Amino acid sequence: LLKQLEHPNEHVRSWAVRLLVEDRRPTAAVLAKFRQLAEFEPSGLVRLYLASALQRLPHGERLAIAASLAGHAV
């Protein structure tokens, strides 16, 4: 699933986000990729799925991802 976060189709990337947090225990590699996506992802759909995933992430990881997501122009 981690590799699917780089898929050209935004729907595949968004579902990968959702499935990677399903068990509420994302790995360090997943969290690092989420931070990268939150900052650079062009797709609003993928960013929406990242925002929805925040509630399933460890508390210490939420702020950095949320801040990057909030930095995108509407």
N, C-alpha and C. Protein backbone atom coordinates (compact mmCIF):
# COMPACT_ATOMS: atom_id res chain seq x y z
N LEU A 1 0.81 -1.21 0.00
CA LEU A 1 0.00 0.00 0.00
C LEU A 1 0.85 1.27 0.00
N LEU A 2 1.99 1.22 0.66
CA LEU A 2 2.86 2.39 0.71
C LEU A 2 3.26 2.81 -0.70
N LYS A 3 3.54 1.86 -1.55
CA LYS A 3 3.91 2.15 -2.93
C LYS A 3 2.74 2.80 -3.69
N GLN A 4 1.53 2.46 -3.33
CA GLN A 4 0.35 3.01 -4.01
C GLN A 4 0.14 4.50 -3.72
N LEU A 5 0.81 5.01 -2.70
CA LEU A 5 0.72 6.45 -2.41
C LEU A 5 1.39 7.28 -3.50
N GLU A 6 2.11 6.64 -4.40
CA GLU A 6 2.75 7.33 -5.53
C GLU A 6 2.06 7.01 -6.85
N HIS A 7 0.96 6.30 -6.82
CA HIS A 7 0.22 5.92 -8.03
C HIS A 7 -0.26 7.18 -8.76
N PRO A 8 -0.29 7.16 -10.09
CA PRO A 8 -0.73 8.34 -10.84
C PRO A 8 -2.21 8.69 -10.64
N ASN A 9 -3.02 7.72 -10.24
CA ASN A 9 -4.45 7.96 -10.07
C ASN A 9 -4.74 8.42 -8.64
N GLU A 10 -5.39 9.57 -8.50
CA GLU A 10 -5.66 10.12 -7.17
C GLU A 10 -6.60 9.23 -6.35
N HIS A 11 -7.45 8.47 -7.00
CA HIS A 11 -8.36 7.59 -6.27
C HIS A 11 -7.61 6.43 -5.63
N VAL A 12 -6.62 5.92 -6.32
CA VAL A 12 -5.78 4.86 -5.77
C VAL A 12 -5.00 5.40 -4.57
N ARG A 13 -4.43 6.60 -4.72
CA ARG A 13 -3.67 7.20 -3.63
C ARG A 13 -4.57 7.46 -2.41
N SER A 14 -5.77 7.96 -2.64
CA SER A 14 -6.66 8.26 -1.51
C SER A 14 -7.09 6.98 -0.79
N TRP A 15 -7.38 5.92 -1.52
CA TRP A 15 -7.75 4.66 -0.88
C TRP A 15 -6.56 4.04 -0.16
N ALA A 16 -5.37 4.25 -0.66
CA ALA A 16 -4.19 3.75 0.04
C ALA A 16 -4.05 4.44 1.40
N VAL A 17 -4.30 5.75 1.43
CA VAL A 17 -4.28 6.48 2.71
C VAL A 17 -5.27 5.84 3.67
N ARG A 18 -6.47 5.65 3.20
CA ARG A 18 -7.52 5.10 4.07
C ARG A 18 -7.14 3.71 4.59
N LEU A 19 -6.66 2.86 3.73
CA LEU A 19 -6.35 1.50 4.14
C LEU A 19 -5.11 1.43 5.05
N LEU A 20 -4.18 2.34 4.87
CA LEU A 20 -2.97 2.33 5.69
C LEU A 20 -3.23 2.73 7.15
N VAL A 21 -4.33 3.41 7.41
CA VAL A 21 -4.65 3.78 8.80
C VAL A 21 -5.79 2.95 9.38
N GLU A 22 -6.24 1.99 8.63
CA GLU A 22 -7.38 1.17 9.06
C GLU A 22 -7.16 0.53 10.43
N ASP A 23 -5.96 0.04 10.68
CA ASP A 23 -5.69 -0.64 11.96
C ASP A 23 -5.20 0.32 13.05
N ARG A 24 -5.13 1.61 12.73
CA ARG A 24 -4.71 2.66 13.67
C ARG A 24 -3.27 2.51 14.15
N ARG A 25 -2.45 1.77 13.40
CA ARG A 25 -1.05 1.59 13.75
C ARG A 25 -0.15 1.79 12.53
N PRO A 26 -0.12 2.99 11.97
CA PRO A 26 0.74 3.21 10.80
C PRO A 26 2.21 3.14 11.19
N THR A 27 3.00 2.63 10.29
CA THR A 27 4.44 2.51 10.54
C THR A 27 5.12 3.88 10.41
N ALA A 28 6.36 3.95 10.81
CA ALA A 28 7.14 5.19 10.69
C ALA A 28 7.26 5.60 9.22
N ALA A 29 7.41 4.63 8.33
CA ALA A 29 7.51 4.93 6.90
C ALA A 29 6.21 5.54 6.37
N VAL A 30 5.09 5.02 6.83
CA VAL A 30 3.78 5.55 6.42
C VAL A 30 3.63 6.98 6.93
N LEU A 31 3.96 7.22 8.18
CA LEU A 31 3.84 8.56 8.74
C LEU A 31 4.73 9.55 8.01
N ALA A 32 5.93 9.14 7.66
CA ALA A 32 6.83 10.02 6.90
C ALA A 32 6.24 10.35 5.53
N LYS A 33 5.67 9.36 4.88
CA LYS A 33 5.06 9.59 3.56
C LYS A 33 3.83 10.49 3.69
N PHE A 34 3.05 10.30 4.74
CA PHE A 34 1.88 11.16 4.97
C PHE A 34 2.32 12.62 5.15
N ARG A 35 3.41 12.86 5.90
CA ARG A 35 3.91 14.22 6.08
C ARG A 35 4.31 14.82 4.74
N GLN A 36 4.95 14.01 3.90
CA GLN A 36 5.35 14.47 2.57
C GLN A 36 4.13 14.77 1.71
N LEU A 37 3.16 13.89 1.72
CA LEU A 37 1.95 14.10 0.93
C LEU A 37 1.19 15.34 1.40
N ALA A 38 1.11 15.53 2.71
CA ALA A 38 0.38 16.68 3.25
C ALA A 38 0.98 17.99 2.74
N GLU A 39 2.26 17.99 2.52
CA GLU A 39 2.93 19.21 2.06
C GLU A 39 2.88 19.40 0.55
N PHE A 40 3.03 18.30 -0.20
CA PHE A 40 3.22 18.44 -1.66
C PHE A 40 2.13 17.85 -2.54
N GLU A 41 1.16 17.13 -1.98
CA GLU A 41 0.13 16.46 -2.79
C GLU A 41 -0.74 17.49 -3.51
N PRO A 42 -0.84 17.40 -4.85
CA PRO A 42 -1.67 18.35 -5.58
C PRO A 42 -3.17 18.03 -5.54
N SER A 43 -3.52 16.78 -5.28
CA SER A 43 -4.92 16.38 -5.33
C SER A 43 -5.67 16.75 -4.05
N GLY A 44 -6.74 17.51 -4.22
CA GLY A 44 -7.60 17.84 -3.09
C GLY A 44 -8.25 16.61 -2.48
N LEU A 45 -8.54 15.62 -3.31
CA LEU A 45 -9.16 14.39 -2.82
C LEU A 45 -8.22 13.64 -1.88
N VAL A 46 -6.97 13.52 -2.26
CA VAL A 46 -5.99 12.83 -1.42
C VAL A 46 -5.78 13.62 -0.13
N ARG A 47 -5.72 14.93 -0.22
CA ARG A 47 -5.56 15.75 0.99
C ARG A 47 -6.77 15.60 1.91
N LEU A 48 -7.95 15.46 1.33
CA LEU A 48 -9.15 15.22 2.14
C LEU A 48 -9.04 13.89 2.89
N TYR A 49 -8.58 12.87 2.23
CA TYR A 49 -8.40 11.57 2.89
C TYR A 49 -7.33 11.64 3.97
N LEU A 50 -6.28 12.42 3.74
CA LEU A 50 -5.26 12.62 4.77
C LEU A 50 -5.86 13.33 5.99
N ALA A 51 -6.68 14.34 5.74
CA ALA A 51 -7.32 15.05 6.85
C ALA A 51 -8.24 14.10 7.63
N SER A 52 -8.95 13.26 6.93
CA SER A 52 -9.83 12.30 7.59
C SER A 52 -9.03 11.27 8.39
N ALA A 53 -7.83 10.97 7.92
CA ALA A 53 -6.98 9.98 8.60
C ALA A 53 -6.36 10.52 9.88
N LEU A 54 -6.36 11.83 10.07
CA LEU A 54 -5.73 12.41 11.26
C LEU A 54 -6.23 11.78 12.55
N GLN A 55 -7.52 11.51 12.63
CA GLN A 55 -8.08 10.95 13.87
C GLN A 55 -7.57 9.54 14.17
N ARG A 56 -6.99 8.89 13.20
CA ARG A 56 -6.46 7.53 13.39
C ARG A 56 -4.94 7.51 13.56
N LEU A 57 -4.33 8.69 13.60
CA LEU A 57 -2.88 8.79 13.75
C LEU A 57 -2.52 9.07 15.21
N PRO A 58 -1.29 8.74 15.60
CA PRO A 58 -0.83 9.07 16.95
C PRO A 58 -0.90 10.59 17.16
N HIS A 59 -1.24 11.01 18.36
CA HIS A 59 -1.43 12.43 18.65
C HIS A 59 -0.21 13.27 18.27
N GLY A 60 0.97 12.75 18.49
CA GLY A 60 2.19 13.50 18.19
C GLY A 60 2.42 13.75 16.71
N GLU A 61 1.78 13.02 15.85
CA GLU A 61 1.95 13.16 14.40
C GLU A 61 0.90 14.06 13.76
N ARG A 62 -0.17 14.30 14.44
CA ARG A 62 -1.30 15.01 13.84
C ARG A 62 -1.00 16.46 13.48
N LEU A 63 -0.35 17.18 14.37
CA LEU A 63 -0.16 18.61 14.17
C LEU A 63 0.66 18.92 12.93
N ALA A 64 1.76 18.21 12.72
CA ALA A 64 2.62 18.48 11.55
C ALA A 64 1.85 18.25 10.25
N ILE A 65 1.09 17.18 10.20
CA ILE A 65 0.33 16.87 8.99
C ILE A 65 -0.79 17.88 8.79
N ALA A 66 -1.51 18.21 9.87
CA ALA A 66 -2.60 19.18 9.78
C ALA A 66 -2.09 20.55 9.35
N ALA A 67 -0.96 20.96 9.88
CA ALA A 67 -0.39 22.27 9.52
C ALA A 67 -0.02 22.32 8.04
N SER A 68 0.56 21.25 7.54
CA SER A 68 0.90 21.21 6.11
C SER A 68 -0.35 21.23 5.24
N LEU A 69 -1.37 20.50 5.67
CA LEU A 69 -2.62 20.49 4.91
C LEU A 69 -3.27 21.89 4.90
N ALA A 70 -3.19 22.57 6.03
CA ALA A 70 -3.80 23.89 6.14
C ALA A 70 -3.07 24.93 5.30
N GLY A 71 -1.85 24.64 4.92
CA GLY A 71 -1.06 25.58 4.13
C GLY A 71 -1.42 25.64 2.66
N HIS A 72 -2.27 24.75 2.20
CA HIS A 72 -2.65 24.74 0.78
C HIS A 72 -3.69 25.82 0.49
N ALA A 73 -3.58 26.42 -0.68
CA ALA A 73 -4.58 27.39 -1.10
C ALA A 73 -5.89 26.68 -1.37
N VAL A 74 -6.95 27.35 -1.10
CA VAL A 74 -8.28 26.75 -1.29
C VAL A 74 -8.71 26.86 -2.72
